[in-house]
Amino acid sequence: MTWSDFYLICFAVGFLFSLLSFVGGALHLHGHWPHLHGVHFGHGAGHAPAGHGVGHGHGPAVSPFNAFTIAVFLAWFGGTGYLLTRYSSIWLMLGLLISTIVGLIGAGIIFSFLAKVLMVPEAIMNPTDYEMVGVVGRISSPIRESGTGEIIYSQVGSRKACPARSEDNVALDRDTEVVVTRYEKGIAYVRRWEEVVPD
């Protein structure tokens, strides 16, 4: 086996695994970031009603030695080494050193992208942050007796609206502060804030 064959095999293996990791991650995304070996996510620290404090996770810890960055290193290392051995008369050890440096640079770029762009805490969705039960809001469209109105509430830093009914089938006026006690079929069932949290 020649050095050009060795570099070509490294390139092929690295490129193939990079492609499989990317395609596999895209197929299993479903609203969440793909799982990468060596990447560990923090767990949520708790949950409180929106508007009254929400717990956040510790954020992800990204290892530079994960399958994706190793595959990228192999692809860049192999590609550079192959080009140097086939199209230049560079000394063998110097070519190996240059290929290793280029491979590390490529893996470093991908690692930086994963750590600083994809794995920022804001990008990680915690299902408890979107839990409706316990959300505090205000009536924006009055709820008539046994009728449906609308509430406005804040969740994960954005203002949202939702159809709402009174849990007790009583009328609730506009601007009444309420707490969601139940959420079914897209409708929030609410009670007055003072009924849930007495003084």
Protein backbone atom coordinates (compact mmCIF):
# COMPACT_ATOMS: atom_id res chain seq x y z
CA MET A 1 0.00 0.00 0.00
CA THR A 2 1.38 3.40 -0.99
CA TRP A 3 1.01 6.62 1.02
CA SER A 4 -1.44 7.97 -1.55
CA ASP A 5 -3.60 4.85 -1.03
CA PHE A 6 -3.45 5.34 2.75
CA TYR A 7 -4.51 8.99 2.45
CA LEU A 8 -7.26 8.10 0.00
CA ILE A 9 -8.67 5.48 2.40
CA CYS A 10 -8.59 8.02 5.27
CA PHE A 11 -10.41 10.54 3.09
CA ALA A 12 -13.04 8.01 1.98
CA VAL A 13 -13.70 6.76 5.54
CA GLY A 14 -13.83 10.29 6.97
CA PHE A 15 -16.08 11.61 4.21
CA LEU A 16 -18.42 8.61 4.44
CA PHE A 17 -18.79 8.87 8.23
CA SER A 18 -19.26 12.66 8.02
CA LEU A 19 -22.00 12.18 5.45
CA LEU A 20 -23.69 9.42 7.46
CA SER A 21 -23.56 11.52 10.65
CA PHE A 22 -25.07 14.51 8.87
CA VAL A 23 -27.83 12.53 7.11
CA GLY A 24 -28.56 10.48 10.25
CA GLY A 25 -28.84 13.64 12.33
CA ALA A 26 -31.17 15.27 9.80
CA LEU A 27 -33.42 12.19 9.67
CA HIS A 28 -33.70 11.99 13.47
CA LEU A 29 -33.98 15.73 14.13
CA HIS A 30 -37.78 15.93 14.80
CA GLY A 31 -37.52 19.38 16.40
CA HIS A 32 -34.42 18.53 18.46
CA TRP A 33 -30.72 18.72 17.73
CA PRO A 34 -29.14 15.45 16.63
CA HIS A 35 -27.31 13.34 19.19
CA LEU A 36 -23.58 13.27 18.59
CA HIS A 37 -21.23 10.94 20.41
CA GLY A 38 -19.28 12.91 22.99
CA VAL A 39 -21.91 15.64 23.23
CA HIS A 40 -23.79 15.66 26.51
CA PHE A 41 -26.74 17.85 27.34
CA GLY A 42 -27.56 19.29 30.77
CA HIS A 43 -30.84 18.49 32.50
CA GLY A 44 -33.47 21.06 33.38
CA ALA A 45 -33.19 22.47 36.86
CA GLY A 46 -36.93 22.72 37.41
CA HIS A 47 -39.99 24.50 36.16
CA ALA A 48 -42.13 27.30 37.41
CA PRO A 49 -45.16 29.05 35.93
CA ALA A 50 -44.35 31.45 33.11
CA GLY A 51 -44.01 34.99 34.32
CA HIS A 52 -42.89 33.76 37.75
CA GLY A 53 -39.46 32.31 36.89
CA VAL A 54 -38.44 29.39 34.75
CA GLY A 55 -35.63 26.95 35.54
CA HIS A 56 -32.95 26.45 32.90
CA GLY A 57 -30.52 23.62 32.26
CA HIS A 58 -26.80 23.90 32.74
CA GLY A 59 -26.20 23.90 28.98
CA PRO A 60 -24.34 21.35 26.92
CA ALA A 61 -20.80 20.11 27.40
CA VAL A 62 -19.24 19.50 23.99
CA SER A 63 -16.26 17.17 23.75
CA PRO A 64 -13.83 17.88 20.90
CA PHE A 65 -13.36 14.12 20.54
CA ASN A 66 -16.72 13.10 19.10
CA ALA A 67 -17.43 10.90 16.07
CA PHE A 68 -18.30 13.80 13.80
CA THR A 69 -15.12 15.86 14.40
CA ILE A 70 -12.93 12.73 14.13
CA ALA A 71 -14.58 11.90 10.78
CA VAL A 72 -13.99 15.48 9.59
CA PHE A 73 -10.34 15.25 10.66
CA LEU A 74 -9.90 12.03 8.67
CA ALA A 75 -11.51 13.56 5.57
CA TRP A 76 -9.36 16.72 5.63
CA PHE A 77 -6.21 14.81 6.61
CA GLY A 78 -6.74 12.19 3.89
CA GLY A 79 -7.71 14.66 1.20
CA THR A 80 -4.75 16.92 1.85
CA GLY A 81 -2.31 14.02 2.07
CA TYR A 82 -3.61 12.49 -1.14
CA LEU A 83 -3.25 15.75 -3.07
CA LEU A 84 0.27 16.33 -1.69
CA THR A 85 1.50 12.81 -2.56
CA ARG A 86 -0.10 12.75 -6.03
CA TYR A 87 0.56 16.27 -7.26
CA SER A 88 3.71 17.45 -5.47
CA SER A 89 7.20 16.18 -4.75
CA ILE A 90 7.10 17.22 -1.10
CA TRP A 91 9.10 15.23 1.45
CA LEU A 92 7.03 12.41 3.03
CA MET A 93 7.27 13.54 6.69
CA LEU A 94 6.57 17.17 5.76
CA GLY A 95 3.49 16.03 3.83
CA LEU A 96 2.34 14.01 6.85
CA LEU A 97 2.81 17.05 9.11
CA ILE A 98 0.95 19.38 6.73
CA SER A 99 -1.90 16.87 6.36
CA THR A 100 -2.19 16.52 10.14
CA ILE A 101 -2.27 20.30 10.64
CA VAL A 102 -4.92 20.74 7.91
CA GLY A 103 -6.96 17.89 9.44
CA LEU A 104 -6.80 19.52 12.89
CA ILE A 105 -7.82 22.88 11.43
CA GLY A 106 -10.82 21.30 9.68
CA ALA A 107 -11.89 19.42 12.82
CA GLY A 108 -11.37 22.61 14.87
CA ILE A 109 -13.64 24.60 12.56
CA ILE A 110 -16.40 22.00 12.85
CA PHE A 111 -15.94 21.76 16.63
CA SER A 112 -16.18 25.55 16.97
CA PHE A 113 -19.34 25.55 14.89
CA LEU A 114 -20.90 22.80 17.03
CA ALA A 115 -19.88 24.40 20.32
CA LYS A 116 -20.69 28.04 19.54
CA VAL A 117 -23.58 27.90 17.10
CA LEU A 118 -25.53 24.64 17.27
CA MET A 119 -25.10 23.86 20.95
CA VAL A 120 -25.87 27.24 22.51
CA PRO A 121 -28.32 26.89 25.46
CA GLU A 122 -30.99 28.86 23.54
CA ALA A 123 -30.97 26.20 20.81
CA ILE A 124 -31.76 23.33 23.16
CA MET A 125 -35.49 22.89 23.63
CA ASN A 126 -36.61 21.74 27.05
CA PRO A 127 -40.15 20.30 26.91
CA THR A 128 -40.91 21.56 30.43
CA ASP A 129 -40.42 25.15 29.19
CA TYR A 130 -43.47 24.66 26.95
CA GLU A 131 -45.73 23.02 29.56
CA MET A 132 -49.06 24.87 29.68
CA VAL A 133 -50.25 23.77 33.14
CA GLY A 134 -49.09 26.40 35.62
CA VAL A 135 -48.71 29.18 33.04
CA VAL A 136 -49.82 32.59 34.31
CA GLY A 137 -51.56 34.92 31.89
CA ARG A 138 -54.20 37.61 31.49
CA ILE A 139 -57.60 37.43 29.84
CA SER A 140 -57.41 39.30 26.52
CA SER A 141 -60.88 38.35 25.28
CA PRO A 142 -63.50 37.99 28.07
CA ILE A 143 -64.67 34.49 28.90
CA ARG A 144 -68.45 34.28 29.13
CA GLU A 145 -70.15 31.81 31.45
CA SER A 146 -69.57 28.32 29.94
CA GLY A 147 -67.99 30.09 26.96
CA THR A 148 -64.57 30.46 25.39
CA GLY A 149 -62.33 33.52 25.43
CA GLU A 150 -58.61 34.07 25.06
CA ILE A 151 -55.58 34.52 27.29
CA ILE A 152 -52.23 36.16 26.60
CA TYR A 153 -49.14 34.81 28.34
CA SER A 154 -45.35 34.82 28.07
CA GLN A 155 -43.40 31.61 27.54
CA VAL A 156 -39.70 31.15 26.72
CA GLY A 157 -39.31 34.87 26.14
CA SER A 158 -42.16 35.33 23.67
CA ARG A 159 -45.73 36.57 24.00
CA LYS A 160 -48.42 34.08 23.00
CA ALA A 161 -52.21 33.77 22.86
CA CYS A 162 -54.41 30.74 23.47
CA PRO A 163 -58.17 29.99 23.54
CA ALA A 164 -59.31 29.64 27.14
CA ARG A 165 -62.26 28.54 29.22
CA SER A 166 -62.99 28.96 32.89
CA GLU A 167 -62.35 25.79 34.90
CA ASP A 168 -65.52 26.56 36.94
CA ASN A 169 -67.59 27.72 33.93
CA VAL A 170 -67.82 31.22 35.42
CA ALA A 171 -67.42 34.46 33.50
CA LEU A 172 -63.97 36.09 33.61
CA ASP A 173 -63.45 39.74 32.66
CA ARG A 174 -60.72 41.17 30.45
CA ASP A 175 -57.32 41.72 32.18
CA THR A 176 -58.09 39.19 34.92
CA GLU A 177 -54.88 37.40 35.94
CA VAL A 178 -55.35 33.65 35.61
CA VAL A 179 -53.44 30.37 35.95
CA VAL A 180 -53.79 27.46 33.54
CA THR A 181 -54.91 24.41 35.53
CA ARG A 182 -55.60 22.11 32.59
CA TYR A 183 -54.81 22.05 28.86
CA GLU A 184 -56.84 19.89 26.49
CA LYS A 185 -57.27 19.91 22.70
CA GLY A 186 -55.67 23.33 22.33
CA ILE A 187 -57.83 25.00 24.99
CA ALA A 188 -56.47 26.24 28.31
CA TYR A 189 -58.73 25.84 31.34
CA VAL A 190 -58.02 28.62 33.81
CA ARG A 191 -58.72 29.86 37.31
CA ARG A 192 -58.20 33.28 38.83
CA TRP A 193 -54.67 33.76 40.18
CA GLU A 194 -55.92 34.60 43.66
CA GLU A 195 -57.93 31.34 43.81
CA VAL A 196 -54.85 29.25 43.10
CA VAL A 197 -52.36 31.26 45.18
CA PRO A 198 -54.27 32.77 48.12
CA ASP A 199 -52.68 35.70 50.01
